[in-house]
Amino acid sequence: MARFVLWGIYCANALEKRTPFREEHLNRLATLKENGTLITLGPTTSSSHVFGIFEGNSIEEIRDLIKDDIYWKKRIWTDIEVYPWTQAF
């Protein structure tokens, strides 16, 4: 297993637009956290960007996980980038 960093952008008015989908999103994240795929994920304090660390077999696997998230499907997240990551400490 390898680790991957996610960096993404929220849509304008994300706090309002995410409301109908937030519970589904958080429940899914809890499941990913429980199975060890999600290490951490959250918005910047301005809610303009999202940052996360995932563990998986490939960058494609992580991209597919992100694209299956309701925030991606409903365009709450408008852009994502995923990078392989080496944890130094």
N, C-alpha and C. Protein backbone atom coordinates (compact mmCIF):
# COMPACT_ATOMS: atom_id res chain seq x y z
N MET A 1 0.84 -1.18 0.00
CA MET A 1 0.00 0.00 0.00
C MET A 1 0.88 1.24 0.00
N ALA A 2 0.39 2.24 -0.68
CA ALA A 2 1.10 3.51 -0.77
C ALA A 2 0.19 4.62 -0.24
N ARG A 3 0.78 5.76 0.02
CA ARG A 3 -0.01 6.91 0.46
C ARG A 3 -0.08 7.95 -0.65
N PHE A 4 -1.21 8.66 -0.65
CA PHE A 4 -1.48 9.66 -1.68
C PHE A 4 -2.05 10.91 -1.02
N VAL A 5 -1.67 12.06 -1.57
CA VAL A 5 -2.17 13.35 -1.10
C VAL A 5 -3.20 13.86 -2.09
N LEU A 6 -4.30 14.36 -1.56
CA LEU A 6 -5.35 14.99 -2.35
C LEU A 6 -5.33 16.48 -2.08
N TRP A 7 -5.41 17.26 -3.12
CA TRP A 7 -5.58 18.72 -3.01
C TRP A 7 -6.70 19.07 -3.98
N GLY A 8 -7.72 19.77 -3.50
CA GLY A 8 -8.84 20.09 -4.35
C GLY A 8 -9.43 21.45 -4.07
N ILE A 9 -10.35 21.85 -4.91
CA ILE A 9 -10.98 23.17 -4.82
C ILE A 9 -12.48 23.00 -4.62
N TYR A 10 -13.01 23.78 -3.70
CA TYR A 10 -14.46 23.82 -3.48
C TYR A 10 -15.11 24.83 -4.42
N CYS A 11 -16.38 24.61 -4.71
CA CYS A 11 -17.15 25.54 -5.52
C CYS A 11 -17.43 26.82 -4.71
N ALA A 12 -17.89 27.85 -5.39
CA ALA A 12 -18.34 29.05 -4.69
C ALA A 12 -19.55 28.68 -3.83
N ASN A 13 -19.66 29.30 -2.69
CA ASN A 13 -20.77 29.03 -1.75
C ASN A 13 -20.85 27.57 -1.33
N ALA A 14 -19.69 26.95 -1.16
CA ALA A 14 -19.65 25.52 -0.83
C ALA A 14 -20.38 25.19 0.47
N LEU A 15 -20.27 26.05 1.46
CA LEU A 15 -20.91 25.75 2.74
C LEU A 15 -22.43 25.61 2.60
N GLU A 16 -23.01 26.41 1.76
CA GLU A 16 -24.45 26.32 1.51
C GLU A 16 -24.79 25.15 0.59
N LYS A 17 -24.02 25.00 -0.47
CA LYS A 17 -24.33 24.00 -1.49
C LYS A 17 -24.12 22.57 -1.00
N ARG A 18 -23.23 22.38 -0.03
CA ARG A 18 -22.94 21.02 0.44
C ARG A 18 -24.00 20.50 1.41
N THR A 19 -24.79 21.38 1.99
CA THR A 19 -25.72 21.01 3.06
C THR A 19 -26.56 19.78 2.76
N PRO A 20 -27.22 19.68 1.60
CA PRO A 20 -28.07 18.50 1.37
C PRO A 20 -27.29 17.18 1.23
N PHE A 21 -25.98 17.27 1.02
CA PHE A 21 -25.16 16.09 0.74
C PHE A 21 -24.18 15.77 1.87
N ARG A 22 -24.12 16.62 2.87
CA ARG A 22 -23.09 16.52 3.91
C ARG A 22 -23.16 15.20 4.68
N GLU A 23 -24.33 14.78 5.09
CA GLU A 23 -24.44 13.54 5.87
C GLU A 23 -23.95 12.34 5.07
N GLU A 24 -24.36 12.25 3.82
CA GLU A 24 -23.90 11.15 2.96
C GLU A 24 -22.38 11.19 2.82
N HIS A 25 -21.85 12.38 2.59
CA HIS A 25 -20.40 12.56 2.44
C HIS A 25 -19.65 12.11 3.70
N LEU A 26 -20.09 12.58 4.87
CA LEU A 26 -19.41 12.25 6.12
C LEU A 26 -19.54 10.78 6.46
N ASN A 27 -20.68 10.16 6.19
CA ASN A 27 -20.83 8.73 6.43
C ASN A 27 -19.87 7.91 5.57
N ARG A 28 -19.72 8.32 4.33
CA ARG A 28 -18.78 7.62 3.44
C ARG A 28 -17.35 7.78 3.92
N LEU A 29 -17.00 9.00 4.34
CA LEU A 29 -15.65 9.22 4.85
C LEU A 29 -15.39 8.37 6.09
N ALA A 30 -16.38 8.24 6.96
CA ALA A 30 -16.22 7.42 8.16
C ALA A 30 -15.93 5.97 7.78
N THR A 31 -16.61 5.46 6.77
CA THR A 31 -16.37 4.10 6.30
C THR A 31 -14.96 3.96 5.74
N LEU A 32 -14.53 4.93 4.93
CA LEU A 32 -13.18 4.89 4.38
C LEU A 32 -12.13 4.97 5.49
N LYS A 33 -12.40 5.75 6.52
CA LYS A 33 -11.48 5.87 7.66
C LYS A 33 -11.41 4.55 8.41
N GLU A 34 -12.57 3.93 8.65
CA GLU A 34 -12.61 2.65 9.37
C GLU A 34 -11.86 1.55 8.65
N ASN A 35 -11.91 1.54 7.32
CA ASN A 35 -11.21 0.47 6.60
C ASN A 35 -9.76 0.82 6.28
N GLY A 36 -9.29 1.98 6.74
CA GLY A 36 -7.87 2.33 6.60
C GLY A 36 -7.51 3.02 5.31
N THR A 37 -8.48 3.27 4.44
CA THR A 37 -8.18 3.94 3.18
C THR A 37 -7.97 5.43 3.37
N LEU A 38 -8.76 6.04 4.23
CA LEU A 38 -8.65 7.48 4.50
C LEU A 38 -7.85 7.69 5.77
N ILE A 39 -6.80 8.48 5.66
CA ILE A 39 -6.00 8.84 6.83
C ILE A 39 -6.57 10.12 7.44
N THR A 40 -6.75 11.14 6.62
CA THR A 40 -7.34 12.40 7.08
C THR A 40 -7.88 13.16 5.88
N LEU A 41 -8.87 14.02 6.12
CA LEU A 41 -9.43 14.83 5.05
C LEU A 41 -10.19 15.99 5.67
N GLY A 42 -10.06 17.15 5.07
CA GLY A 42 -10.82 18.29 5.56
C GLY A 42 -10.58 19.54 4.74
N PRO A 43 -11.45 20.53 4.97
CA PRO A 43 -11.32 21.79 4.24
C PRO A 43 -10.30 22.73 4.88
N THR A 44 -9.81 23.66 4.09
CA THR A 44 -9.05 24.76 4.67
C THR A 44 -10.04 25.62 5.46
N THR A 45 -9.54 26.47 6.34
CA THR A 45 -10.45 27.26 7.18
C THR A 45 -11.33 28.19 6.35
N SER A 46 -10.90 28.54 5.17
CA SER A 46 -11.70 29.39 4.29
C SER A 46 -12.73 28.58 3.49
N SER A 47 -12.69 27.27 3.61
CA SER A 47 -13.53 26.35 2.83
C SER A 47 -13.38 26.57 1.33
N SER A 48 -12.19 26.95 0.91
CA SER A 48 -11.93 27.12 -0.52
C SER A 48 -11.21 25.92 -1.11
N HIS A 49 -10.51 25.17 -0.27
CA HIS A 49 -9.75 24.00 -0.72
C HIS A 49 -9.99 22.82 0.23
N VAL A 50 -9.74 21.63 -0.29
CA VAL A 50 -9.81 20.42 0.51
C VAL A 50 -8.45 19.74 0.43
N PHE A 51 -8.03 19.15 1.56
CA PHE A 51 -6.77 18.43 1.64
C PHE A 51 -7.04 17.07 2.24
N GLY A 52 -6.39 16.05 1.73
CA GLY A 52 -6.57 14.73 2.30
C GLY A 52 -5.36 13.84 2.08
N ILE A 53 -5.28 12.81 2.90
CA ILE A 53 -4.26 11.77 2.74
C ILE A 53 -4.99 10.43 2.72
N PHE A 54 -4.69 9.65 1.71
CA PHE A 54 -5.31 8.34 1.52
C PHE A 54 -4.23 7.27 1.43
N GLU A 55 -4.64 6.04 1.67
CA GLU A 55 -3.76 4.90 1.48
C GLU A 55 -4.44 3.94 0.51
N GLY A 56 -3.70 3.49 -0.49
CA GLY A 56 -4.28 2.60 -1.48
C GLY A 56 -3.22 1.94 -2.34
N ASN A 57 -3.69 1.20 -3.33
CA ASN A 57 -2.79 0.45 -4.20
C ASN A 57 -2.29 1.24 -5.40
N SER A 58 -3.06 2.27 -5.80
CA SER A 58 -2.65 3.03 -6.98
C SER A 58 -3.31 4.41 -6.97
N ILE A 59 -2.73 5.31 -7.72
CA ILE A 59 -3.30 6.65 -7.85
C ILE A 59 -4.68 6.58 -8.50
N GLU A 60 -4.87 5.65 -9.42
CA GLU A 60 -6.16 5.48 -10.07
C GLU A 60 -7.23 5.06 -9.07
N GLU A 61 -6.87 4.19 -8.14
CA GLU A 61 -7.81 3.76 -7.10
C GLU A 61 -8.28 4.95 -6.27
N ILE A 62 -7.37 5.82 -5.90
CA ILE A 62 -7.72 6.99 -5.09
C ILE A 62 -8.55 7.97 -5.91
N ARG A 63 -8.18 8.21 -7.15
CA ARG A 63 -8.98 9.08 -8.02
C ARG A 63 -10.40 8.55 -8.17
N ASP A 64 -10.54 7.24 -8.31
CA ASP A 64 -11.87 6.65 -8.42
C ASP A 64 -12.67 6.83 -7.14
N LEU A 65 -12.02 6.70 -5.99
CA LEU A 65 -12.70 6.95 -4.71
C LEU A 65 -13.22 8.37 -4.63
N ILE A 66 -12.40 9.32 -5.06
CA ILE A 66 -12.80 10.73 -5.02
C ILE A 66 -13.96 10.96 -5.99
N LYS A 67 -13.85 10.42 -7.18
CA LYS A 67 -14.90 10.65 -8.18
C LYS A 67 -16.21 9.96 -7.82
N ASP A 68 -16.17 9.03 -6.86
CA ASP A 68 -17.38 8.37 -6.39
C ASP A 68 -18.01 9.11 -5.21
N ASP A 69 -17.35 10.14 -4.71
CA ASP A 69 -17.86 10.91 -3.58
C ASP A 69 -18.98 11.85 -4.04
N ILE A 70 -19.99 12.01 -3.23
CA ILE A 70 -21.13 12.87 -3.57
C ILE A 70 -20.69 14.32 -3.78
N TYR A 71 -19.65 14.76 -3.08
CA TYR A 71 -19.17 16.14 -3.27
C TYR A 71 -18.60 16.32 -4.68
N TRP A 72 -17.98 15.31 -5.22
CA TRP A 72 -17.49 15.39 -6.60
C TRP A 72 -18.66 15.31 -7.58
N LYS A 73 -19.54 14.37 -7.34
CA LYS A 73 -20.67 14.17 -8.25
C LYS A 73 -21.57 15.40 -8.32
N LYS A 74 -21.73 16.11 -7.21
CA LYS A 74 -22.59 17.28 -7.16
C LYS A 74 -21.82 18.59 -7.36
N ARG A 75 -20.54 18.47 -7.71
CA ARG A 75 -19.66 19.61 -8.03
C ARG A 75 -19.44 20.55 -6.84
N ILE A 76 -19.46 20.00 -5.64
CA ILE A 76 -19.04 20.76 -4.47
C ILE A 76 -17.51 20.89 -4.53
N TRP A 77 -16.87 19.80 -4.91
CA TRP A 77 -15.45 19.85 -5.27
C TRP A 77 -15.40 20.05 -6.78
N THR A 78 -14.72 21.09 -7.23
CA THR A 78 -14.71 21.39 -8.66
C THR A 78 -13.44 20.94 -9.36
N ASP A 79 -12.39 20.69 -8.61
CA ASP A 79 -11.13 20.24 -9.19
C ASP A 79 -10.38 19.47 -8.13
N ILE A 80 -9.74 18.39 -8.54
CA ILE A 80 -8.92 17.62 -7.61
C ILE A 80 -7.60 17.25 -8.27
N GLU A 81 -6.58 17.15 -7.44
CA GLU A 81 -5.29 16.64 -7.87
C GLU A 81 -4.87 15.61 -6.83
N VAL A 82 -4.32 14.50 -7.29
CA VAL A 82 -3.86 13.44 -6.41
C VAL A 82 -2.41 13.15 -6.75
N TYR A 83 -1.58 13.08 -5.71
CA TYR A 83 -0.15 12.83 -5.90
C TYR A 83 0.32 11.70 -5.01
N PRO A 84 1.22 10.84 -5.51
CA PRO A 84 1.87 9.88 -4.62
C PRO A 84 2.65 10.66 -3.55
N TRP A 85 2.70 10.13 -2.36
CA TRP A 85 3.30 10.86 -1.25
C TRP A 85 4.20 9.94 -0.45
N THR A 86 5.35 10.45 -0.08
CA THR A 86 6.27 9.75 0.80
C THR A 86 6.31 10.48 2.13
N GLN A 87 5.89 9.79 3.18
CA GLN A 87 5.90 10.38 4.50
C GLN A 87 7.31 10.29 5.08
N ALA A 88 7.90 11.44 5.36
CA ALA A 88 9.27 11.47 5.88
C ALA A 88 9.31 11.29 7.39
N PHE A 89 8.32 11.82 8.09
CA PHE A 89 8.27 11.71 9.57
C PHE A 89 6.91 11.29 10.00
